[in-house]
């Protein structure tokens, strides 16, 4: 499994120039060389990917999101959230994956200190339960392509204090249109068997949002598994297959999300934040934060000042 922590790493893998913005990139796929696959590949990205593309030989390439086959036969638009497993397998040796369209890559750090940071995951189309690409009419496709072009034009322009808010506004518009179109397409669809992921996310949100972590400490794997009526071993094995991460790693991801929120929106010291999140020692918190983000807590906070 290959993991891309940054957009730059992904673009380098695809032999593309470095992004003009480290946390945001818009690619026109017609100018990108076709992807050559000689064997199955499994990727995990630490950023959001919104793809609006046509795959010329989709029948020869099998795409899986989590454990489910992703159907690209009729639709052209797909959404992949951070830390999700994307697998590609080929029916023939050395298949050239020919594609055209657009791709928007957004690192979660670009969204911090904006309302979208907390609302983006509320859209249904990030879920593993969505296993069909979104079908668009020509008019709808042109509308969404125009929004992507506006985003690219904005970050290609001179960056000023309005740039980020304008890009966020375009992104929210794009997501809201996509939400409308998906609900039209899947109005009768049911949730798949991956509701454990949704229950886990809800459980962790409630734990970190409602508990006094100073007295209760960080959630244990055993507690999480028991709350989901699963054995710890089974839960971690299931999550590893579905997302590439075990239960402890999911707990850490949610912890870092809460830490980033406090660092970017409060005036608490790093020590106070570590204590509120259930850490007895500041060093343990700082080490985990740097391992997960490649930044110290102070460096992350400084990026918003």
Foldseek 3Di string as FASTA:
>chain_A
DAEAEWPQSVCVVQVHDGALDGFKDKDFCVPGFFDWDQFKDKYFYQWKKKWQKDWPPVVFKWKAWQNHTAAEPAAGIAIEGHLTMIMIGGPDGTDGGDMGGMMMIGHLLLCAPHPCSPCVVVQPRNDSQNRYHFHDDPVLSVVLSVLSVVLVVLSVDDDDPCSSVVNVVSVVVNSVSVSVRVCVVVVPPDGDPPCLVVVLVVVLCCPLPPDQLLPVAQDDLCNSQVVSVHHSVVQQVSCCSRRVGGPVVVSLVSLLSVLLNCLQPHPDDLVVSCSRNNHPDSVVVQVSNCVSNVDGSVVSSVVND
